[in-house]
Amino acid sequence: MRISELKRKALHSLGGKWGVAVSLMLLLFLINFILPIIVDVIGSGGFSQWFMQEETPLWSDIFSMVFSIALIPLTISTTWFYLNLVREGNPDIPEVFAIYKDGKTSFKLIGASILQAIFIFLWSLLLIIPGIIKSIAYSQVFFLLKDHPEYTVLEAITESKKRMKGLKWKYFLMHLSFIGWGILCMFTIGIGLLWLFPYVGTTLAAFYNELIVPQEDTEDQQIEV
């Protein structure tokens, strides 16, 4: 399936769901950026003290690190939201936050994200290009963990590498195809990103659903033979 077809499928999946998708992006923006600032201002003793401080307090750095780690399951659950859209489901915003009801899965996703980042970092020590290649090879890990919760983190990483063989260049070009939209969003003071992120996320989900998932059927047929 061509990149243009994946993007058309993404737009079709978003039809009638733009309101929910944009609302989710706005909520995530408030949680990721506005909430930490509010905590910093309160912890600094007020806006004037926060604005005038020259260095970030240690407690603020620790809070930011812990907060970022805590948001990992939410970020991944958002990609699952897009996958449900592609599969013609009817996901809603509370469903995204429901990931925290499953503590075991949440910690597993945090561990997977950290391990993935470590692997990519180690490959990047060789040169930037190997790091990029491996980040693309590992790109399907979280989708695979949704469809196969029985996978361990290492099994998901291995499976992602296997299924991305021959698809890395297409995946890379698919990301490049959004650069023009990204530049246009700069002229909207970033407001356009509320629409661009769902478009990109749903296209990535379509990539997985149309090019990665069907490989399971091929493997099953080979086993039967």
N, C-alpha and C. Protein backbone atom coordinates (compact mmCIF):
# COMPACT_ATOMS: atom_id res chain seq x y z
N MET A 1 0.84 -1.19 0.00
CA MET A 1 0.00 0.00 0.00
C MET A 1 0.88 1.25 0.00
N ARG A 2 0.57 2.20 -0.89
CA ARG A 2 1.36 3.41 -1.00
C ARG A 2 1.10 4.36 0.16
N ILE A 3 2.05 5.28 0.37
CA ILE A 3 1.94 6.25 1.45
C ILE A 3 0.69 7.10 1.28
N SER A 4 0.41 7.50 0.05
CA SER A 4 -0.77 8.33 -0.21
C SER A 4 -2.06 7.60 0.17
N GLU A 5 -2.08 6.30 -0.04
CA GLU A 5 -3.26 5.51 0.32
C GLU A 5 -3.41 5.40 1.83
N LEU A 6 -2.28 5.27 2.53
CA LEU A 6 -2.33 5.22 4.00
C LEU A 6 -2.85 6.54 4.57
N LYS A 7 -2.44 7.63 3.96
CA LYS A 7 -2.87 8.95 4.44
C LYS A 7 -4.35 9.18 4.14
N ARG A 8 -4.79 8.68 3.00
CA ARG A 8 -6.23 8.79 2.69
C ARG A 8 -7.06 7.96 3.66
N LYS A 9 -6.55 6.80 4.00
CA LYS A 9 -7.26 5.95 4.96
C LYS A 9 -7.33 6.63 6.32
N ALA A 10 -6.24 7.30 6.69
CA ALA A 10 -6.22 8.02 7.96
C ALA A 10 -7.26 9.13 7.97
N LEU A 11 -7.34 9.89 6.90
CA LEU A 11 -8.32 10.97 6.82
C LEU A 11 -9.74 10.42 6.84
N HIS A 12 -9.94 9.28 6.18
CA HIS A 12 -11.26 8.65 6.19
C HIS A 12 -11.63 8.21 7.61
N SER A 13 -10.66 7.67 8.33
CA SER A 13 -10.90 7.21 9.70
C SER A 13 -11.22 8.37 10.63
N LEU A 14 -10.63 9.52 10.35
CA LEU A 14 -10.85 10.71 11.18
C LEU A 14 -12.16 11.42 10.84
N GLY A 15 -12.77 11.05 9.74
CA GLY A 15 -14.02 11.68 9.33
C GLY A 15 -15.08 11.55 10.40
N GLY A 16 -15.61 12.67 10.84
CA GLY A 16 -16.62 12.66 11.89
C GLY A 16 -16.05 12.52 13.29
N LYS A 17 -14.71 12.33 13.39
CA LYS A 17 -14.06 12.14 14.70
C LYS A 17 -13.04 13.24 14.99
N TRP A 18 -12.99 14.24 14.13
CA TRP A 18 -12.00 15.30 14.32
C TRP A 18 -12.19 16.01 15.66
N GLY A 19 -13.43 16.22 16.05
CA GLY A 19 -13.71 16.92 17.30
C GLY A 19 -13.10 16.22 18.50
N VAL A 20 -13.28 14.89 18.55
CA VAL A 20 -12.74 14.11 19.66
C VAL A 20 -11.20 14.10 19.60
N ALA A 21 -10.66 13.93 18.39
CA ALA A 21 -9.21 13.85 18.24
C ALA A 21 -8.53 15.17 18.62
N VAL A 22 -9.10 16.28 18.17
CA VAL A 22 -8.52 17.59 18.50
C VAL A 22 -8.68 17.89 19.98
N SER A 23 -9.81 17.54 20.56
CA SER A 23 -10.03 17.75 22.00
C SER A 23 -9.01 16.96 22.82
N LEU A 24 -8.71 15.75 22.37
CA LEU A 24 -7.72 14.93 23.06
C LEU A 24 -6.35 15.59 22.99
N MET A 25 -5.99 16.11 21.81
CA MET A 25 -4.70 16.78 21.66
C MET A 25 -4.61 18.02 22.55
N LEU A 26 -5.68 18.78 22.64
CA LEU A 26 -5.69 19.97 23.48
C LEU A 26 -5.53 19.58 24.95
N LEU A 27 -6.19 18.51 25.36
CA LEU A 27 -6.09 18.05 26.74
C LEU A 27 -4.67 17.57 27.04
N LEU A 28 -4.08 16.85 26.11
CA LEU A 28 -2.71 16.37 26.30
C LEU A 28 -1.73 17.53 26.37
N PHE A 29 -1.97 18.56 25.58
CA PHE A 29 -1.12 19.75 25.62
C PHE A 29 -1.18 20.41 26.99
N LEU A 30 -2.39 20.54 27.53
CA LEU A 30 -2.56 21.14 28.85
C LEU A 30 -1.85 20.33 29.92
N ILE A 31 -1.94 19.00 29.81
CA ILE A 31 -1.32 18.12 30.81
C ILE A 31 0.20 18.14 30.69
N ASN A 32 0.71 18.12 29.46
CA ASN A 32 2.15 18.01 29.24
C ASN A 32 2.90 19.31 29.47
N PHE A 33 2.27 20.44 29.19
CA PHE A 33 2.99 21.71 29.23
C PHE A 33 2.46 22.70 30.26
N ILE A 34 1.16 22.84 30.33
CA ILE A 34 0.60 23.85 31.22
C ILE A 34 0.63 23.39 32.68
N LEU A 35 0.26 22.15 32.94
CA LEU A 35 0.24 21.64 34.31
C LEU A 35 1.60 21.72 35.00
N PRO A 36 2.70 21.31 34.34
CA PRO A 36 4.02 21.44 34.99
C PRO A 36 4.37 22.89 35.32
N ILE A 37 3.99 23.82 34.44
CA ILE A 37 4.27 25.23 34.70
C ILE A 37 3.52 25.72 35.93
N ILE A 38 2.26 25.30 36.04
CA ILE A 38 1.45 25.69 37.20
C ILE A 38 2.09 25.17 38.48
N VAL A 39 2.55 23.92 38.46
CA VAL A 39 3.21 23.33 39.63
C VAL A 39 4.48 24.09 39.97
N ASP A 40 5.25 24.45 38.93
CA ASP A 40 6.49 25.21 39.16
C ASP A 40 6.20 26.57 39.79
N VAL A 41 5.19 27.25 39.29
CA VAL A 41 4.84 28.58 39.80
C VAL A 41 4.42 28.49 41.27
N ILE A 42 3.58 27.52 41.57
CA ILE A 42 3.12 27.35 42.96
C ILE A 42 4.29 26.98 43.87
N GLY A 43 5.12 26.06 43.40
CA GLY A 43 6.26 25.62 44.20
C GLY A 43 7.31 26.69 44.40
N SER A 44 7.37 27.66 43.49
CA SER A 44 8.35 28.74 43.59
C SER A 44 7.87 29.89 44.47
N GLY A 45 6.62 29.81 44.90
CA GLY A 45 6.09 30.86 45.77
C GLY A 45 5.35 31.96 45.05
N GLY A 46 5.05 31.76 43.80
CA GLY A 46 4.30 32.77 43.05
C GLY A 46 4.91 33.02 41.69
N PHE A 47 4.16 33.71 40.85
CA PHE A 47 4.60 33.92 39.48
C PHE A 47 5.85 34.78 39.40
N SER A 48 5.93 35.84 40.21
CA SER A 48 7.08 36.75 40.14
C SER A 48 8.37 36.03 40.52
N GLN A 49 8.31 35.21 41.58
CA GLN A 49 9.51 34.47 41.99
C GLN A 49 9.90 33.44 40.93
N TRP A 50 8.89 32.78 40.38
CA TRP A 50 9.16 31.78 39.32
C TRP A 50 9.77 32.45 38.10
N PHE A 51 9.26 33.61 37.73
CA PHE A 51 9.72 34.31 36.52
C PHE A 51 11.15 34.83 36.69
N MET A 52 11.49 35.22 37.92
CA MET A 52 12.80 35.85 38.17
C MET A 52 13.90 34.85 38.48
N GLN A 53 13.54 33.60 38.78
CA GLN A 53 14.58 32.63 39.15
C GLN A 53 15.51 32.35 37.97
N GLU A 54 16.81 32.30 38.26
CA GLU A 54 17.82 32.11 37.22
C GLU A 54 18.08 30.64 36.94
N GLU A 55 17.94 29.80 37.96
CA GLU A 55 18.19 28.38 37.79
C GLU A 55 16.97 27.58 38.23
N THR A 56 16.75 26.46 37.57
CA THR A 56 15.63 25.60 37.93
C THR A 56 15.96 24.84 39.21
N PRO A 57 15.10 24.90 40.23
CA PRO A 57 15.36 24.18 41.48
C PRO A 57 15.44 22.68 41.24
N LEU A 58 16.19 22.00 42.12
CA LEU A 58 16.37 20.56 42.01
C LEU A 58 15.03 19.84 42.08
N TRP A 59 14.14 20.29 42.98
CA TRP A 59 12.85 19.61 43.13
C TRP A 59 12.05 19.69 41.84
N SER A 60 12.22 20.79 41.10
CA SER A 60 11.50 20.96 39.84
C SER A 60 12.00 19.99 38.79
N ASP A 61 13.32 19.78 38.76
CA ASP A 61 13.90 18.83 37.81
C ASP A 61 13.44 17.41 38.11
N ILE A 62 13.40 17.08 39.40
CA ILE A 62 12.97 15.74 39.81
C ILE A 62 11.49 15.54 39.46
N PHE A 63 10.69 16.56 39.74
CA PHE A 63 9.26 16.47 39.41
C PHE A 63 9.05 16.28 37.91
N SER A 64 9.79 17.03 37.11
CA SER A 64 9.65 16.94 35.65
C SER A 64 10.00 15.54 35.15
N MET A 65 11.06 14.95 35.73
CA MET A 65 11.47 13.60 35.31
C MET A 65 10.41 12.57 35.68
N VAL A 66 9.93 12.63 36.92
CA VAL A 66 8.92 11.68 37.38
C VAL A 66 7.62 11.86 36.60
N PHE A 67 7.26 13.11 36.35
CA PHE A 67 6.03 13.42 35.62
C PHE A 67 6.11 12.89 34.19
N SER A 68 7.26 13.07 33.56
CA SER A 68 7.45 12.59 32.18
C SER A 68 7.32 11.08 32.10
N ILE A 69 7.89 10.38 33.08
CA ILE A 69 7.80 8.92 33.11
C ILE A 69 6.36 8.48 33.31
N ALA A 70 5.65 9.20 34.21
CA ALA A 70 4.25 8.85 34.50
C ALA A 70 3.36 9.05 33.28
N LEU A 71 3.75 9.94 32.37
CA LEU A 71 2.93 10.22 31.19
C LEU A 71 3.16 9.23 30.05
N ILE A 72 4.16 8.37 30.16
CA ILE A 72 4.46 7.41 29.09
C ILE A 72 3.25 6.55 28.74
N PRO A 73 2.56 5.93 29.72
CA PRO A 73 1.38 5.12 29.35
C PRO A 73 0.30 5.94 28.65
N LEU A 74 0.13 7.18 29.04
CA LEU A 74 -0.88 8.03 28.41
C LEU A 74 -0.52 8.31 26.95
N THR A 75 0.75 8.58 26.70
CA THR A 75 1.20 8.84 25.33
C THR A 75 0.99 7.62 24.45
N ILE A 76 1.32 6.44 24.97
CA ILE A 76 1.15 5.21 24.20
C ILE A 76 -0.33 4.89 24.00
N SER A 77 -1.12 5.13 25.03
CA SER A 77 -2.56 4.89 24.93
C SER A 77 -3.19 5.78 23.86
N THR A 78 -2.60 6.95 23.64
CA THR A 78 -3.09 7.83 22.58
C THR A 78 -2.86 7.22 21.21
N THR A 79 -1.73 6.53 21.02
CA THR A 79 -1.49 5.86 19.73
C THR A 79 -2.48 4.72 19.54
N TRP A 80 -2.88 4.07 20.64
CA TRP A 80 -3.90 3.02 20.55
C TRP A 80 -5.26 3.60 20.20
N PHE A 81 -5.50 4.81 20.65
CA PHE A 81 -6.73 5.53 20.29
C PHE A 81 -6.82 5.67 18.77
N TYR A 82 -5.70 6.04 18.14
CA TYR A 82 -5.67 6.19 16.68
C TYR A 82 -5.86 4.84 15.99
N LEU A 83 -5.30 3.79 16.57
CA LEU A 83 -5.46 2.46 15.98
C LEU A 83 -6.93 2.04 16.02
N ASN A 84 -7.60 2.36 17.10
CA ASN A 84 -9.04 2.05 17.18
C ASN A 84 -9.82 2.82 16.12
N LEU A 85 -9.40 4.05 15.85
CA LEU A 85 -10.05 4.83 14.80
C LEU A 85 -9.90 4.15 13.44
N VAL A 86 -8.67 3.71 13.16
CA VAL A 86 -8.39 3.05 11.88
C VAL A 86 -9.20 1.77 11.74
N ARG A 87 -9.42 1.11 12.85
CA ARG A 87 -10.19 -0.14 12.83
C ARG A 87 -11.68 0.12 12.94
N GLU A 88 -12.05 1.37 12.67
CA GLU A 88 -13.45 1.80 12.61
C GLU A 88 -14.17 1.61 13.95
N GLY A 89 -13.39 1.79 15.00
CA GLY A 89 -14.00 1.76 16.33
C GLY A 89 -14.56 3.13 16.67
N ASN A 90 -15.02 3.27 17.87
CA ASN A 90 -15.57 4.56 18.32
C ASN A 90 -14.95 4.94 19.66
N PRO A 91 -13.62 5.16 19.67
CA PRO A 91 -12.94 5.45 20.94
C PRO A 91 -13.31 6.84 21.45
N ASP A 92 -13.25 6.97 22.77
CA ASP A 92 -13.50 8.28 23.35
C ASP A 92 -12.34 8.62 24.29
N ILE A 93 -12.32 9.85 24.76
CA ILE A 93 -11.19 10.34 25.56
C ILE A 93 -11.01 9.56 26.87
N PRO A 94 -12.08 9.28 27.63
CA PRO A 94 -11.88 8.50 28.88
C PRO A 94 -11.18 7.17 28.65
N GLU A 95 -11.38 6.59 27.47
CA GLU A 95 -10.74 5.32 27.14
C GLU A 95 -9.23 5.45 27.12
N VAL A 96 -8.73 6.61 26.73
CA VAL A 96 -7.28 6.84 26.69
C VAL A 96 -6.71 6.84 28.10
N PHE A 97 -7.41 7.49 29.02
CA PHE A 97 -6.92 7.60 30.40
C PHE A 97 -7.14 6.31 31.19
N ALA A 98 -7.97 5.42 30.66
CA ALA A 98 -8.26 4.16 31.36
C ALA A 98 -7.04 3.26 31.45
N ILE A 99 -5.98 3.58 30.72
CA ILE A 99 -4.76 2.78 30.77
C ILE A 99 -4.21 2.71 32.19
N TYR A 100 -4.45 3.76 32.98
CA TYR A 100 -3.90 3.79 34.34
C TYR A 100 -4.66 2.86 35.30
N LYS A 101 -5.80 2.35 34.87
CA LYS A 101 -6.52 1.39 35.70
C LYS A 101 -5.81 0.04 35.72
N ASP A 102 -5.00 -0.20 34.71
CA ASP A 102 -4.24 -1.45 34.60
C ASP A 102 -2.78 -1.15 34.95
N GLY A 103 -2.47 -1.26 36.22
CA GLY A 103 -1.12 -0.93 36.67
C GLY A 103 -0.05 -1.78 36.04
N LYS A 104 -0.32 -3.07 35.85
CA LYS A 104 0.66 -3.97 35.28
C LYS A 104 1.03 -3.54 33.86
N THR A 105 0.02 -3.21 33.06
CA THR A 105 0.28 -2.78 31.68
C THR A 105 1.00 -1.44 31.66
N SER A 106 0.61 -0.53 32.55
CA SER A 106 1.25 0.79 32.60
C SER A 106 2.74 0.67 32.88
N PHE A 107 3.10 -0.15 33.88
CA PHE A 107 4.51 -0.32 34.20
C PHE A 107 5.25 -1.05 33.07
N LYS A 108 4.55 -1.95 32.40
CA LYS A 108 5.17 -2.67 31.28
C LYS A 108 5.49 -1.69 30.15
N LEU A 109 4.57 -0.76 29.88
CA LEU A 109 4.79 0.22 28.83
C LEU A 109 5.92 1.18 29.19
N ILE A 110 6.00 1.55 30.46
CA ILE A 110 7.10 2.41 30.91
C ILE A 110 8.43 1.69 30.72
N GLY A 111 8.48 0.42 31.12
CA GLY A 111 9.69 -0.36 30.95
C GLY A 111 10.07 -0.52 29.49
N ALA A 112 9.07 -0.75 28.64
CA ALA A 112 9.33 -0.91 27.20
C ALA A 112 9.88 0.38 26.61
N SER A 113 9.32 1.50 27.02
CA SER A 113 9.75 2.79 26.50
C SER A 113 11.19 3.09 26.91
N ILE A 114 11.51 2.81 28.17
CA ILE A 114 12.87 3.07 28.66
C ILE A 114 13.87 2.15 27.98
N LEU A 115 13.52 0.86 27.85
CA LEU A 115 14.43 -0.10 27.20
C LEU A 115 14.63 0.26 25.73
N GLN A 116 13.55 0.65 25.07
CA GLN A 116 13.65 1.07 23.66
C GLN A 116 14.58 2.27 23.54
N ALA A 117 14.45 3.24 24.44
CA ALA A 117 15.28 4.43 24.41
C ALA A 117 16.75 4.09 24.65
N ILE A 118 17.01 3.15 25.54
CA ILE A 118 18.38 2.73 25.82
C ILE A 118 19.00 2.08 24.59
N PHE A 119 18.26 1.19 23.93
CA PHE A 119 18.77 0.53 22.73
C PHE A 119 19.09 1.55 21.63
N ILE A 120 18.16 2.49 21.42
CA ILE A 120 18.36 3.51 20.39
C ILE A 120 19.57 4.38 20.72
N PHE A 121 19.71 4.72 22.00
CA PHE A 121 20.85 5.54 22.44
C PHE A 121 22.17 4.81 22.17
N LEU A 122 22.21 3.52 22.50
CA LEU A 122 23.44 2.75 22.30
C LEU A 122 23.81 2.66 20.82
N TRP A 123 22.79 2.46 19.97
CA TRP A 123 23.06 2.42 18.54
C TRP A 123 23.50 3.79 18.02
N SER A 124 22.97 4.86 18.64
CA SER A 124 23.32 6.22 18.22
C SER A 124 24.75 6.56 18.57
N LEU A 125 25.33 5.84 19.53
CA LEU A 125 26.72 6.09 19.89
C LEU A 125 27.65 5.73 18.73
N LEU A 126 27.22 4.79 17.89
CA LEU A 126 28.02 4.43 16.72
C LEU A 126 28.04 5.58 15.72
N LEU A 127 26.85 6.02 15.35
CA LEU A 127 26.64 7.18 14.48
C LEU A 127 25.15 7.48 14.52
N ILE A 128 24.75 8.65 14.07
CA ILE A 128 23.34 9.03 14.13
C ILE A 128 22.48 8.16 13.22
N ILE A 129 23.04 7.75 12.06
CA ILE A 129 22.25 6.96 11.11
C ILE A 129 21.82 5.61 11.69
N PRO A 130 22.72 4.84 12.32
CA PRO A 130 22.27 3.58 12.94
C PRO A 130 21.18 3.80 13.99
N GLY A 131 21.27 4.92 14.71
CA GLY A 131 20.25 5.23 15.71
C GLY A 131 18.89 5.46 15.07
N ILE A 132 18.89 6.17 13.94
CA ILE A 132 17.63 6.43 13.23
C ILE A 132 17.06 5.13 12.68
N ILE A 133 17.91 4.29 12.11
CA ILE A 133 17.46 3.02 11.54
C ILE A 133 16.83 2.14 12.61
N LYS A 134 17.48 2.08 13.78
CA LYS A 134 16.95 1.24 14.85
C LYS A 134 15.67 1.82 15.44
N SER A 135 15.57 3.14 15.51
CA SER A 135 14.33 3.74 16.02
C SER A 135 13.16 3.39 15.12
N ILE A 136 13.41 3.32 13.82
CA ILE A 136 12.37 2.91 12.88
C ILE A 136 12.07 1.42 13.03
N ALA A 137 13.11 0.62 13.22
CA ALA A 137 12.92 -0.82 13.39
C ALA A 137 12.09 -1.14 14.62
N TYR A 138 12.23 -0.31 15.67
CA TYR A 138 11.50 -0.54 16.92
C TYR A 138 10.15 0.17 16.96
N SER A 139 9.78 0.81 15.88
CA SER A 139 8.61 1.72 15.88
C SER A 139 7.27 1.03 16.13
N GLN A 140 7.20 -0.28 15.91
CA GLN A 140 5.91 -0.98 16.03
C GLN A 140 5.72 -1.67 17.39
N VAL A 141 6.66 -1.46 18.29
CA VAL A 141 6.64 -2.15 19.58
C VAL A 141 5.33 -1.96 20.33
N PHE A 142 4.86 -0.72 20.43
CA PHE A 142 3.70 -0.46 21.29
C PHE A 142 2.38 -0.90 20.64
N PHE A 143 2.33 -0.86 19.32
CA PHE A 143 1.15 -1.42 18.65
C PHE A 143 1.11 -2.93 18.86
N LEU A 144 2.27 -3.56 18.77
CA LEU A 144 2.35 -5.01 18.96
C LEU A 144 1.96 -5.40 20.38
N LEU A 145 2.34 -4.58 21.35
CA LEU A 145 1.98 -4.87 22.73
C LEU A 145 0.49 -4.72 22.98
N LYS A 146 -0.16 -3.89 22.19
CA LYS A 146 -1.62 -3.77 22.32
C LYS A 146 -2.30 -5.02 21.79
N ASP A 147 -1.87 -5.47 20.60
CA ASP A 147 -2.49 -6.65 19.99
C ASP A 147 -2.02 -7.95 20.63
N HIS A 148 -0.84 -7.91 21.24
CA HIS A 148 -0.26 -9.12 21.84
C HIS A 148 0.23 -8.80 23.26
N PRO A 149 -0.68 -8.62 24.18
CA PRO A 149 -0.27 -8.31 25.56
C PRO A 149 0.54 -9.44 26.20
N GLU A 150 0.50 -10.61 25.58
CA GLU A 150 1.27 -11.73 26.14
C GLU A 150 2.76 -11.61 25.82
N TYR A 151 3.12 -10.74 24.86
CA TYR A 151 4.53 -10.54 24.52
C TYR A 151 5.28 -9.92 25.70
N THR A 152 6.50 -10.34 25.90
CA THR A 152 7.39 -9.60 26.79
C THR A 152 7.91 -8.39 26.01
N VAL A 153 8.55 -7.49 26.72
CA VAL A 153 9.09 -6.30 26.05
C VAL A 153 10.11 -6.68 24.99
N LEU A 154 11.00 -7.58 25.32
CA LEU A 154 12.03 -8.01 24.36
C LEU A 154 11.41 -8.74 23.17
N GLU A 155 10.37 -9.51 23.40
CA GLU A 155 9.69 -10.20 22.30
C GLU A 155 9.04 -9.18 21.36
N ALA A 156 8.46 -8.13 21.91
CA ALA A 156 7.83 -7.10 21.08
C ALA A 156 8.89 -6.36 20.25
N ILE A 157 10.04 -6.09 20.86
CA ILE A 157 11.11 -5.41 20.14
C ILE A 157 11.64 -6.30 19.01
N THR A 158 11.83 -7.56 19.31
CA THR A 158 12.30 -8.50 18.29
C THR A 158 11.30 -8.64 17.15
N GLU A 159 10.02 -8.73 17.49
CA GLU A 159 8.97 -8.87 16.48
C GLU A 159 8.87 -7.62 15.62
N SER A 160 9.03 -6.46 16.24
CA SER A 160 8.99 -5.20 15.49
C SER A 160 10.13 -5.15 14.47
N LYS A 161 11.33 -5.53 14.91
CA LYS A 161 12.48 -5.54 13.99
C LYS A 161 12.22 -6.47 12.82
N LYS A 162 11.66 -7.63 13.10
CA LYS A 162 11.41 -8.63 12.05
C LYS A 162 10.38 -8.12 11.04
N ARG A 163 9.30 -7.55 11.55
CA ARG A 163 8.21 -7.13 10.65
C ARG A 163 8.53 -5.85 9.88
N MET A 164 9.49 -5.07 10.37
CA MET A 164 9.83 -3.82 9.69
C MET A 164 10.86 -4.02 8.58
N LYS A 165 11.31 -5.25 8.40
CA LYS A 165 12.26 -5.51 7.32
C LYS A 165 11.61 -5.20 5.97
N GLY A 166 12.27 -4.38 5.20
CA GLY A 166 11.74 -4.00 3.90
C GLY A 166 10.76 -2.85 3.94
N LEU A 167 10.44 -2.35 5.14
CA LEU A 167 9.45 -1.27 5.27
C LEU A 167 10.03 0.00 5.90
N LYS A 168 11.31 -0.07 6.29
CA LYS A 168 11.90 1.07 6.98
C LYS A 168 11.91 2.32 6.12
N TRP A 169 12.28 2.18 4.84
CA TRP A 169 12.36 3.35 3.95
C TRP A 169 10.98 3.97 3.75
N LYS A 170 9.97 3.14 3.57
CA LYS A 170 8.61 3.64 3.41
C LYS A 170 8.18 4.40 4.67
N TYR A 171 8.51 3.85 5.83
CA TYR A 171 8.14 4.49 7.10
C TYR A 171 8.83 5.84 7.24
N PHE A 172 10.10 5.90 6.83
CA PHE A 172 10.86 7.15 6.89
C PHE A 172 10.27 8.20 5.94
N LEU A 173 9.96 7.78 4.72
CA LEU A 173 9.38 8.71 3.74
C LEU A 173 8.00 9.19 4.19
N MET A 174 7.27 8.31 4.86
CA MET A 174 5.93 8.70 5.35
C MET A 174 6.04 9.86 6.34
N HIS A 175 7.05 9.81 7.20
CA HIS A 175 7.26 10.91 8.13
C HIS A 175 7.65 12.19 7.39
N LEU A 176 8.52 12.04 6.39
CA LEU A 176 8.95 13.21 5.62
C LEU A 176 7.78 13.87 4.90
N SER A 177 6.77 13.09 4.54
CA SER A 177 5.64 13.62 3.79
C SER A 177 4.81 14.63 4.59
N PHE A 178 5.04 14.70 5.90
CA PHE A 178 4.29 15.63 6.74
C PHE A 178 5.04 16.93 7.01
N ILE A 179 6.25 17.04 6.47
CA ILE A 179 7.06 18.23 6.75
C ILE A 179 6.35 19.50 6.27
N GLY A 180 5.75 19.44 5.09
CA GLY A 180 5.05 20.62 4.56
C GLY A 180 3.94 21.08 5.49
N TRP A 181 3.17 20.12 6.00
CA TRP A 181 2.11 20.47 6.95
C TRP A 181 2.69 21.07 8.22
N GLY A 182 3.83 20.54 8.65
CA GLY A 182 4.48 21.08 9.85
C GLY A 182 4.90 22.53 9.67
N ILE A 183 5.43 22.84 8.48
CA ILE A 183 5.83 24.22 8.19
C ILE A 183 4.61 25.15 8.18
N LEU A 184 3.51 24.67 7.60
CA LEU A 184 2.28 25.47 7.59
C LEU A 184 1.77 25.74 9.01
N CYS A 185 1.94 24.76 9.89
CA CYS A 185 1.48 24.92 11.27
C CYS A 185 2.23 26.02 12.00
N MET A 186 3.46 26.31 11.56
CA MET A 186 4.23 27.38 12.17
C MET A 186 3.53 28.73 11.98
N PHE A 187 2.82 28.87 10.87
CA PHE A 187 2.12 30.13 10.59
C PHE A 187 0.81 30.25 11.36
N THR A 188 0.43 29.19 12.05
CA THR A 188 -0.79 29.22 12.88
C THR A 188 -0.43 29.33 14.36
N ILE A 189 0.83 29.67 14.64
CA ILE A 189 1.35 29.76 16.01
C ILE A 189 1.19 28.42 16.72
N GLY A 190 1.27 27.34 15.97
CA GLY A 190 1.20 26.01 16.56
C GLY A 190 -0.20 25.45 16.72
N ILE A 191 -1.21 26.28 16.50
CA ILE A 191 -2.59 25.81 16.68
C ILE A 191 -2.90 24.67 15.71
N GLY A 192 -2.34 24.76 14.50
CA GLY A 192 -2.59 23.71 13.51
C GLY A 192 -2.10 22.34 13.93
N LEU A 193 -1.18 22.30 14.91
CA LEU A 193 -0.67 21.01 15.38
C LEU A 193 -1.77 20.18 16.04
N LEU A 194 -2.80 20.84 16.54
CA LEU A 194 -3.91 20.12 17.15
C LEU A 194 -4.61 19.23 16.13
N TRP A 195 -4.52 19.60 14.86
CA TRP A 195 -5.09 18.78 13.78
C TRP A 195 -4.02 17.91 13.13
N LEU A 196 -2.77 18.40 13.07
CA LEU A 196 -1.71 17.64 12.41
C LEU A 196 -1.34 16.39 13.19
N PHE A 197 -1.23 16.49 14.51
CA PHE A 197 -0.84 15.32 15.31
C PHE A 197 -1.81 14.15 15.16
N PRO A 198 -3.14 14.39 15.21
CA PRO A 198 -4.06 13.27 14.97
C PRO A 198 -3.91 12.68 13.56
N TYR A 199 -3.66 13.55 12.58
CA TYR A 199 -3.48 13.10 11.20
C TYR A 199 -2.26 12.18 11.10
N VAL A 200 -1.13 12.62 11.70
CA VAL A 200 0.08 11.82 11.68
C VAL A 200 -0.12 10.52 12.46
N GLY A 201 -0.69 10.64 13.67
CA GLY A 201 -0.89 9.47 14.51
C GLY A 201 -1.78 8.42 13.87
N THR A 202 -2.83 8.86 13.20
CA THR A 202 -3.74 7.92 12.54
C THR A 202 -3.09 7.29 11.31
N THR A 203 -2.24 8.04 10.63
CA THR A 203 -1.52 7.48 9.49
C THR A 203 -0.53 6.41 9.95
N LEU A 204 0.14 6.66 11.06
CA LEU A 204 1.06 5.65 11.61
C LEU A 204 0.30 4.39 12.03
N ALA A 205 -0.89 4.60 12.57
CA ALA A 205 -1.72 3.45 12.96
C ALA A 205 -2.17 2.68 11.72
N ALA A 206 -2.47 3.40 10.64
CA ALA A 206 -2.86 2.76 9.39
C ALA A 206 -1.70 1.95 8.82
N PHE A 207 -0.50 2.48 8.95
CA PHE A 207 0.71 1.77 8.52
C PHE A 207 0.79 0.41 9.22
N TYR A 208 0.61 0.43 10.52
CA TYR A 208 0.67 -0.81 11.30
C TYR A 208 -0.45 -1.76 10.89
N ASN A 209 -1.65 -1.24 10.78
CA ASN A 209 -2.81 -2.08 10.52
C ASN A 209 -2.79 -2.69 9.12
N GLU A 210 -2.25 -1.96 8.17
CA GLU A 210 -2.28 -2.41 6.77
C GLU A 210 -1.02 -3.16 6.35
N LEU A 211 0.12 -2.87 6.98
CA LEU A 211 1.37 -3.46 6.52
C LEU A 211 2.04 -4.38 7.53
N ILE A 212 1.77 -4.18 8.81
CA ILE A 212 2.41 -5.01 9.84
C ILE A 212 1.51 -6.16 10.26
N VAL A 213 0.26 -5.87 10.55
CA VAL A 213 -0.68 -6.91 11.00
C VAL A 213 -0.83 -8.05 9.99
N PRO A 214 -0.99 -7.75 8.68
CA PRO A 214 -1.17 -8.85 7.71
C PRO A 214 -0.03 -9.87 7.70
N GLN A 215 1.14 -9.50 8.21
CA GLN A 215 2.25 -10.45 8.23
C GLN A 215 1.97 -11.63 9.14
N GLU A 216 1.07 -11.45 10.10
CA GLU A 216 0.69 -12.56 10.98
C GLU A 216 0.00 -13.66 10.18
N ASP A 217 -0.87 -13.27 9.25
CA ASP A 217 -1.56 -14.26 8.42
C ASP A 217 -0.56 -15.03 7.56
N THR A 218 0.45 -14.31 7.05
CA THR A 218 1.47 -14.96 6.24
C THR A 218 2.25 -15.98 7.06
N GLU A 219 2.58 -15.59 8.29
CA GLU A 219 3.32 -16.51 9.17
C GLU A 219 2.48 -17.75 9.50
N ASP A 220 1.19 -17.54 9.74
CA ASP A 220 0.30 -18.66 10.06
C ASP A 220 0.20 -19.64 8.89
N GLN A 221 0.14 -19.08 7.67
CA GLN A 221 0.05 -19.94 6.48
C GLN A 221 1.32 -20.76 6.31
N GLN A 222 2.48 -20.12 6.60
CA GLN A 222 3.75 -20.83 6.45
C GLN A 222 3.85 -21.97 7.48
N ILE A 223 3.32 -21.70 8.69
CA ILE A 223 3.34 -22.73 9.73
C ILE A 223 2.47 -23.92 9.32
N GLU A 224 1.31 -23.62 8.72
CA GLU A 224 0.38 -24.68 8.30
C GLU A 224 1.00 -25.54 7.21
N VAL A 225 1.70 -24.87 6.27
CA VAL A 225 2.36 -25.60 5.19
C VAL A 225 3.46 -26.49 5.75
